Amino acid sequence: MWNLTILGVKPILREFVGREERHRMTDFDDFYEQLRQEAEAEGPEAIAEFQTLEEHYRLARNVITRRKALGLSQGQLAAAAGIHQSDLSRIEHGRANPTFDTLDALARALGVHVCLSEVCDAYGSTPREPVVGR
């Protein structure tokens, strides 16, 4: 069985994501592509595990990008969302499995929605304003 933790992939991915400014994106893209190819070579279980990990990092990148766009520190966002800064840090490093309530609290504080589709307003959701920021 292909296990990202055993292979040391999760810590390596965290290192790349955590030190993004010090690494060229093409290096990460190359690394990511190599991991994807290895998962495909291993089969369906490995692909499923890779996709799960991929979603954790997509969430992390989205939270970080929005937080920085609003000019917020982790502490400010955590306070606005009513969560601990350490929990936000774990989410941003792809090490957490947050509940829907936590995701919704973050989304509200960031002025966005939690959704499972390309278009979040498909069900008539209203635009949100960030709780804090600019």
N, C-alpha and C. Protein backbone atom coordinates (compact mmCIF):
# COMPACT_ATOMS: atom_id res chain seq x y z
N MET A 1 0.84 -1.18 0.00
CA MET A 1 0.00 0.00 0.00
C MET A 1 0.88 1.24 0.00
N TRP A 2 0.51 2.20 -0.77
CA TRP A 2 1.24 3.46 -0.92
C TRP A 2 0.82 4.37 0.21
N ASN A 3 1.72 4.71 1.11
CA ASN A 3 1.38 5.54 2.25
C ASN A 3 2.24 6.79 2.27
N LEU A 4 1.61 7.95 2.09
CA LEU A 4 2.35 9.20 2.00
C LEU A 4 3.12 9.52 3.27
N THR A 5 2.58 9.14 4.43
CA THR A 5 3.27 9.43 5.68
C THR A 5 4.51 8.56 5.80
N ILE A 6 4.38 7.28 5.51
CA ILE A 6 5.51 6.38 5.60
C ILE A 6 6.60 6.77 4.61
N LEU A 7 6.21 7.15 3.41
CA LEU A 7 7.18 7.55 2.41
C LEU A 7 7.80 8.91 2.69
N GLY A 8 7.29 9.60 3.68
CA GLY A 8 7.83 10.90 4.02
C GLY A 8 7.33 12.02 3.12
N VAL A 9 6.28 11.77 2.38
CA VAL A 9 5.79 12.76 1.43
C VAL A 9 5.07 13.90 2.15
N LYS A 10 4.26 13.59 3.16
CA LYS A 10 3.53 14.66 3.86
C LYS A 10 4.49 15.69 4.45
N PRO A 11 5.54 15.27 5.18
CA PRO A 11 6.46 16.29 5.69
C PRO A 11 7.15 17.08 4.59
N ILE A 12 7.48 16.44 3.49
CA ILE A 12 8.13 17.14 2.38
C ILE A 12 7.18 18.15 1.77
N LEU A 13 5.92 17.76 1.56
CA LEU A 13 4.94 18.69 1.01
C LEU A 13 4.73 19.85 1.96
N ARG A 14 4.65 19.57 3.25
CA ARG A 14 4.48 20.65 4.23
C ARG A 14 5.65 21.61 4.17
N GLU A 15 6.86 21.05 4.03
CA GLU A 15 8.04 21.90 3.94
C GLU A 15 7.96 22.81 2.72
N PHE A 16 7.57 22.26 1.59
CA PHE A 16 7.45 23.07 0.39
C PHE A 16 6.37 24.12 0.54
N VAL A 17 5.21 23.75 1.07
CA VAL A 17 4.11 24.70 1.23
C VAL A 17 4.47 25.73 2.27
N GLY A 18 5.08 25.31 3.38
CA GLY A 18 5.42 26.22 4.46
C GLY A 18 6.51 27.21 4.11
N ARG A 19 7.38 26.88 3.18
CA ARG A 19 8.47 27.78 2.81
C ARG A 19 8.35 28.20 1.36
N GLU A 20 7.16 28.44 0.93
CA GLU A 20 6.87 28.76 -0.46
C GLU A 20 7.72 29.90 -0.98
N GLU A 21 7.92 30.93 -0.17
CA GLU A 21 8.68 32.08 -0.65
C GLU A 21 10.12 31.71 -0.98
N ARG A 22 10.65 30.70 -0.34
CA ARG A 22 12.05 30.34 -0.57
C ARG A 22 12.23 29.32 -1.70
N HIS A 23 11.16 28.81 -2.22
CA HIS A 23 11.24 27.82 -3.29
C HIS A 23 10.56 28.36 -4.54
N ARG A 24 11.12 28.06 -5.66
CA ARG A 24 10.46 28.46 -6.90
C ARG A 24 9.26 27.56 -7.13
N MET A 25 8.16 28.14 -7.60
CA MET A 25 6.94 27.37 -7.82
C MET A 25 7.20 26.23 -8.80
N THR A 26 8.05 26.43 -9.78
CA THR A 26 8.30 25.36 -10.74
C THR A 26 8.91 24.14 -10.05
N ASP A 27 9.73 24.35 -9.01
CA ASP A 27 10.29 23.24 -8.26
C ASP A 27 9.18 22.44 -7.59
N PHE A 28 8.23 23.14 -6.97
CA PHE A 28 7.12 22.46 -6.32
C PHE A 28 6.26 21.77 -7.36
N ASP A 29 6.00 22.45 -8.48
CA ASP A 29 5.19 21.86 -9.54
C ASP A 29 5.82 20.58 -10.06
N ASP A 30 7.14 20.59 -10.23
CA ASP A 30 7.84 19.38 -10.68
C ASP A 30 7.72 18.27 -9.64
N PHE A 31 7.90 18.62 -8.38
CA PHE A 31 7.79 17.66 -7.29
C PHE A 31 6.38 17.08 -7.24
N TYR A 32 5.39 17.96 -7.33
CA TYR A 32 3.99 17.56 -7.32
C TYR A 32 3.69 16.60 -8.47
N GLU A 33 4.16 16.94 -9.65
CA GLU A 33 3.92 16.09 -10.83
C GLU A 33 4.56 14.72 -10.64
N GLN A 34 5.73 14.69 -10.07
CA GLN A 34 6.40 13.41 -9.81
C GLN A 34 5.58 12.57 -8.84
N LEU A 35 5.06 13.19 -7.79
CA LEU A 35 4.23 12.46 -6.83
C LEU A 35 2.96 11.92 -7.49
N ARG A 36 2.34 12.76 -8.32
CA ARG A 36 1.13 12.34 -9.03
C ARG A 36 1.41 11.13 -9.90
N GLN A 37 2.51 11.15 -10.62
CA GLN A 37 2.87 10.04 -11.49
C GLN A 37 3.15 8.77 -10.69
N GLU A 38 3.82 8.92 -9.55
CA GLU A 38 4.09 7.76 -8.70
C GLU A 38 2.79 7.17 -8.16
N ALA A 39 1.85 8.02 -7.78
CA ALA A 39 0.55 7.53 -7.30
C ALA A 39 -0.17 6.78 -8.40
N GLU A 40 -0.16 7.33 -9.61
CA GLU A 40 -0.82 6.65 -10.74
C GLU A 40 -0.19 5.30 -11.02
N ALA A 41 1.12 5.22 -10.88
CA ALA A 41 1.82 3.95 -11.11
C ALA A 41 1.47 2.91 -10.05
N GLU A 42 1.18 3.38 -8.83
CA GLU A 42 0.86 2.47 -7.74
C GLU A 42 -0.57 1.95 -7.80
N GLY A 43 -1.48 2.72 -8.39
CA GLY A 43 -2.84 2.23 -8.53
C GLY A 43 -3.88 3.07 -7.81
N PRO A 44 -5.13 2.57 -7.80
CA PRO A 44 -6.28 3.33 -7.29
C PRO A 44 -6.16 3.78 -5.84
N GLU A 45 -5.64 2.94 -4.96
CA GLU A 45 -5.52 3.31 -3.55
C GLU A 45 -4.58 4.50 -3.39
N ALA A 46 -3.47 4.44 -4.08
CA ALA A 46 -2.48 5.52 -4.01
C ALA A 46 -3.05 6.80 -4.60
N ILE A 47 -3.78 6.68 -5.66
CA ILE A 47 -4.40 7.86 -6.29
C ILE A 47 -5.39 8.50 -5.32
N ALA A 48 -6.21 7.69 -4.66
CA ALA A 48 -7.19 8.21 -3.70
C ALA A 48 -6.50 8.92 -2.55
N GLU A 49 -5.44 8.33 -2.04
CA GLU A 49 -4.70 8.95 -0.94
C GLU A 49 -4.06 10.26 -1.39
N PHE A 50 -3.51 10.27 -2.58
CA PHE A 50 -2.90 11.48 -3.12
C PHE A 50 -3.95 12.58 -3.29
N GLN A 51 -5.12 12.22 -3.77
CA GLN A 51 -6.18 13.22 -3.97
C GLN A 51 -6.66 13.80 -2.64
N THR A 52 -6.71 12.98 -1.60
CA THR A 52 -7.10 13.48 -0.28
C THR A 52 -6.07 14.49 0.22
N LEU A 53 -4.81 14.15 0.09
CA LEU A 53 -3.75 15.05 0.50
C LEU A 53 -3.80 16.34 -0.31
N GLU A 54 -4.06 16.20 -1.59
CA GLU A 54 -4.16 17.35 -2.49
C GLU A 54 -5.25 18.32 -2.01
N GLU A 55 -6.38 17.80 -1.55
CA GLU A 55 -7.47 18.65 -1.09
C GLU A 55 -7.11 19.39 0.19
N HIS A 56 -6.36 18.74 1.09
CA HIS A 56 -5.91 19.42 2.30
C HIS A 56 -5.06 20.63 1.93
N TYR A 57 -4.17 20.45 0.97
CA TYR A 57 -3.30 21.55 0.58
C TYR A 57 -4.01 22.61 -0.24
N ARG A 58 -5.02 22.23 -0.98
CA ARG A 58 -5.82 23.21 -1.70
C ARG A 58 -6.55 24.11 -0.69
N LEU A 59 -7.13 23.50 0.32
CA LEU A 59 -7.80 24.26 1.37
C LEU A 59 -6.80 25.19 2.05
N ALA A 60 -5.65 24.67 2.41
CA ALA A 60 -4.63 25.47 3.08
C ALA A 60 -4.23 26.67 2.22
N ARG A 61 -3.96 26.43 0.96
CA ARG A 61 -3.54 27.51 0.07
C ARG A 61 -4.65 28.55 -0.08
N ASN A 62 -5.90 28.12 -0.17
CA ASN A 62 -7.02 29.06 -0.30
C ASN A 62 -7.17 29.94 0.95
N VAL A 63 -7.03 29.35 2.12
CA VAL A 63 -7.15 30.11 3.37
C VAL A 63 -6.00 31.12 3.45
N ILE A 64 -4.79 30.66 3.19
CA ILE A 64 -3.62 31.55 3.26
C ILE A 64 -3.75 32.70 2.27
N THR A 65 -4.12 32.38 1.04
CA THR A 65 -4.23 33.40 0.00
C THR A 65 -5.25 34.46 0.38
N ARG A 66 -6.42 34.03 0.85
CA ARG A 66 -7.48 34.98 1.21
C ARG A 66 -7.08 35.80 2.45
N ARG A 67 -6.47 35.12 3.43
CA ARG A 67 -6.04 35.82 4.65
C ARG A 67 -5.03 36.92 4.31
N LYS A 68 -4.07 36.58 3.49
CA LYS A 68 -3.05 37.56 3.11
C LYS A 68 -3.64 38.68 2.26
N ALA A 69 -4.58 38.35 1.39
CA ALA A 69 -5.23 39.37 0.56
C ALA A 69 -5.97 40.39 1.41
N LEU A 70 -6.46 39.94 2.56
CA LEU A 70 -7.18 40.83 3.48
C LEU A 70 -6.23 41.53 4.45
N GLY A 71 -4.95 41.18 4.37
CA GLY A 71 -3.96 41.80 5.25
C GLY A 71 -4.06 41.35 6.69
N LEU A 72 -4.49 40.11 6.90
CA LEU A 72 -4.68 39.59 8.26
C LEU A 72 -3.54 38.68 8.68
N SER A 73 -3.21 38.73 9.95
CA SER A 73 -2.29 37.76 10.53
C SER A 73 -3.10 36.52 10.90
N GLN A 74 -2.41 35.44 11.22
CA GLN A 74 -3.12 34.25 11.69
C GLN A 74 -3.90 34.57 12.95
N GLY A 75 -3.30 35.32 13.84
CA GLY A 75 -3.96 35.66 15.09
C GLY A 75 -5.24 36.46 14.88
N GLN A 76 -5.18 37.42 13.95
CA GLN A 76 -6.37 38.23 13.67
C GLN A 76 -7.48 37.39 13.07
N LEU A 77 -7.13 36.53 12.11
CA LEU A 77 -8.16 35.68 11.50
C LEU A 77 -8.73 34.70 12.51
N ALA A 78 -7.86 34.09 13.30
CA ALA A 78 -8.33 33.13 14.31
C ALA A 78 -9.29 33.80 15.27
N ALA A 79 -8.95 35.01 15.72
CA ALA A 79 -9.82 35.73 16.65
C ALA A 79 -11.17 36.05 16.00
N ALA A 80 -11.13 36.49 14.74
CA ALA A 80 -12.37 36.82 14.04
C ALA A 80 -13.24 35.59 13.82
N ALA A 81 -12.61 34.44 13.64
CA ALA A 81 -13.35 33.20 13.40
C ALA A 81 -13.74 32.50 14.70
N GLY A 82 -13.16 32.93 15.80
CA GLY A 82 -13.47 32.30 17.08
C GLY A 82 -12.80 30.94 17.26
N ILE A 83 -11.61 30.79 16.66
CA ILE A 83 -10.86 29.54 16.82
C ILE A 83 -9.47 29.87 17.36
N HIS A 84 -8.75 28.86 17.82
CA HIS A 84 -7.39 29.06 18.32
C HIS A 84 -6.44 29.27 17.14
N GLN A 85 -5.46 30.13 17.35
CA GLN A 85 -4.46 30.39 16.32
C GLN A 85 -3.72 29.10 15.96
N SER A 86 -3.49 28.24 16.93
CA SER A 86 -2.79 26.98 16.66
C SER A 86 -3.62 26.08 15.73
N ASP A 87 -4.95 26.13 15.86
CA ASP A 87 -5.81 25.37 14.95
C ASP A 87 -5.73 25.92 13.54
N LEU A 88 -5.72 27.24 13.41
CA LEU A 88 -5.57 27.85 12.10
C LEU A 88 -4.23 27.50 11.48
N SER A 89 -3.20 27.51 12.29
CA SER A 89 -1.86 27.14 11.79
C SER A 89 -1.86 25.72 11.24
N ARG A 90 -2.49 24.79 11.96
CA ARG A 90 -2.56 23.40 11.49
C ARG A 90 -3.34 23.30 10.18
N ILE A 91 -4.40 24.08 10.05
CA ILE A 91 -5.19 24.08 8.81
C ILE A 91 -4.32 24.60 7.67
N GLU A 92 -3.60 25.69 7.93
CA GLU A 92 -2.77 26.30 6.89
C GLU A 92 -1.57 25.45 6.51
N HIS A 93 -1.20 24.53 7.36
CA HIS A 93 -0.08 23.63 7.05
C HIS A 93 -0.57 22.27 6.55
N GLY A 94 -1.87 22.13 6.35
CA GLY A 94 -2.42 20.88 5.83
C GLY A 94 -2.40 19.75 6.82
N ARG A 95 -2.31 20.06 8.12
CA ARG A 95 -2.22 19.03 9.14
C ARG A 95 -3.51 18.83 9.91
N ALA A 96 -4.55 19.53 9.52
CA ALA A 96 -5.80 19.46 10.28
C ALA A 96 -6.91 18.85 9.42
N ASN A 97 -7.91 18.36 10.10
CA ASN A 97 -9.11 17.87 9.46
C ASN A 97 -10.27 18.62 10.09
N PRO A 98 -10.44 19.90 9.70
CA PRO A 98 -11.41 20.75 10.39
C PRO A 98 -12.85 20.31 10.17
N THR A 99 -13.68 20.59 11.18
CA THR A 99 -15.11 20.31 11.07
C THR A 99 -15.76 21.33 10.14
N PHE A 100 -16.98 21.05 9.75
CA PHE A 100 -17.71 22.02 8.93
C PHE A 100 -17.89 23.32 9.69
N ASP A 101 -18.17 23.24 10.98
CA ASP A 101 -18.37 24.45 11.78
C ASP A 101 -17.11 25.33 11.77
N THR A 102 -15.94 24.70 11.87
CA THR A 102 -14.69 25.45 11.81
C THR A 102 -14.49 26.07 10.44
N LEU A 103 -14.74 25.30 9.39
CA LEU A 103 -14.61 25.83 8.03
C LEU A 103 -15.57 26.99 7.81
N ASP A 104 -16.80 26.86 8.30
CA ASP A 104 -17.78 27.92 8.12
C ASP A 104 -17.37 29.17 8.90
N ALA A 105 -16.84 29.00 10.10
CA ALA A 105 -16.38 30.15 10.88
C ALA A 105 -15.25 30.87 10.16
N LEU A 106 -14.33 30.11 9.59
CA LEU A 106 -13.24 30.72 8.81
C LEU A 106 -13.79 31.42 7.58
N ALA A 107 -14.70 30.75 6.89
CA ALA A 107 -15.27 31.34 5.68
C ALA A 107 -15.97 32.65 5.99
N ARG A 108 -16.74 32.67 7.06
CA ARG A 108 -17.44 33.91 7.44
C ARG A 108 -16.44 35.02 7.73
N ALA A 109 -15.41 34.70 8.50
CA ALA A 109 -14.40 35.70 8.84
C ALA A 109 -13.66 36.21 7.60
N LEU A 110 -13.51 35.34 6.60
CA LEU A 110 -12.81 35.71 5.36
C LEU A 110 -13.74 36.32 4.32
N GLY A 111 -15.04 36.29 4.59
CA GLY A 111 -16.00 36.84 3.64
C GLY A 111 -16.24 35.96 2.44
N VAL A 112 -16.13 34.67 2.64
CA VAL A 112 -16.36 33.70 1.56
C VAL A 112 -17.32 32.62 2.04
N HIS A 113 -17.61 31.66 1.18
CA HIS A 113 -18.52 30.56 1.51
C HIS A 113 -17.78 29.23 1.45
N VAL A 114 -18.28 28.27 2.20
CA VAL A 114 -17.85 26.88 2.08
C VAL A 114 -18.76 26.26 1.03
N CYS A 115 -18.19 25.69 -0.01
CA CYS A 115 -19.04 25.08 -1.04
C CYS A 115 -18.34 23.89 -1.67
N LEU A 116 -19.12 23.07 -2.33
CA LEU A 116 -18.59 21.89 -3.00
C LEU A 116 -18.81 21.95 -4.51
N SER A 117 -18.97 23.14 -5.02
CA SER A 117 -19.17 23.28 -6.45
C SER A 117 -18.33 24.43 -6.97
N GLU A 118 -18.23 24.52 -8.26
CA GLU A 118 -17.48 25.61 -8.87
C GLU A 118 -18.16 26.95 -8.64
N VAL A 119 -19.48 26.96 -8.56
CA VAL A 119 -20.23 28.20 -8.35
C VAL A 119 -20.97 28.08 -7.02
N CYS A 120 -20.51 28.82 -6.04
CA CYS A 120 -21.10 28.71 -4.70
C CYS A 120 -22.46 29.35 -4.59
N ASP A 121 -22.80 30.27 -5.46
CA ASP A 121 -24.09 30.93 -5.34
C ASP A 121 -25.20 30.21 -6.09
N ALA A 122 -24.98 28.97 -6.46
CA ALA A 122 -25.98 28.21 -7.20
C ALA A 122 -27.28 28.05 -6.41
N TYR A 123 -27.21 28.14 -5.08
CA TYR A 123 -28.41 27.96 -4.26
C TYR A 123 -28.85 29.26 -3.61
N GLY A 124 -28.48 30.36 -4.23
CA GLY A 124 -28.96 31.65 -3.76
C GLY A 124 -28.22 32.20 -2.56
N SER A 125 -26.99 31.76 -2.32
CA SER A 125 -26.26 32.31 -1.19
C SER A 125 -25.93 33.78 -1.45
N THR A 126 -25.88 34.53 -0.38
CA THR A 126 -25.62 35.95 -0.52
C THR A 126 -24.14 36.23 -0.33
N PRO A 127 -23.64 37.28 -0.97
CA PRO A 127 -22.23 37.63 -0.80
C PRO A 127 -21.92 37.93 0.66
N ARG A 128 -20.71 37.63 1.08
CA ARG A 128 -20.28 37.90 2.45
C ARG A 128 -19.18 38.94 2.45
N GLU A 129 -19.16 39.74 3.48
CA GLU A 129 -18.08 40.69 3.70
C GLU A 129 -17.15 40.10 4.75
N PRO A 130 -15.85 40.30 4.62
CA PRO A 130 -14.93 39.82 5.66
C PRO A 130 -15.26 40.46 7.01
N VAL A 131 -15.04 39.73 8.08
CA VAL A 131 -15.31 40.23 9.40
C VAL A 131 -14.31 41.32 9.77
N VAL A 132 -13.06 41.11 9.39
CA VAL A 132 -12.00 42.08 9.66
C VAL A 132 -11.15 42.23 8.41
N GLY A 133 -10.26 43.18 8.43
CA GLY A 133 -9.36 43.35 7.29
C GLY A 133 -9.42 44.76 6.78
N ARG A 134 -8.93 44.91 5.59
CA ARG A 134 -8.80 46.22 4.96
C ARG A 134 -9.90 47.16 5.27
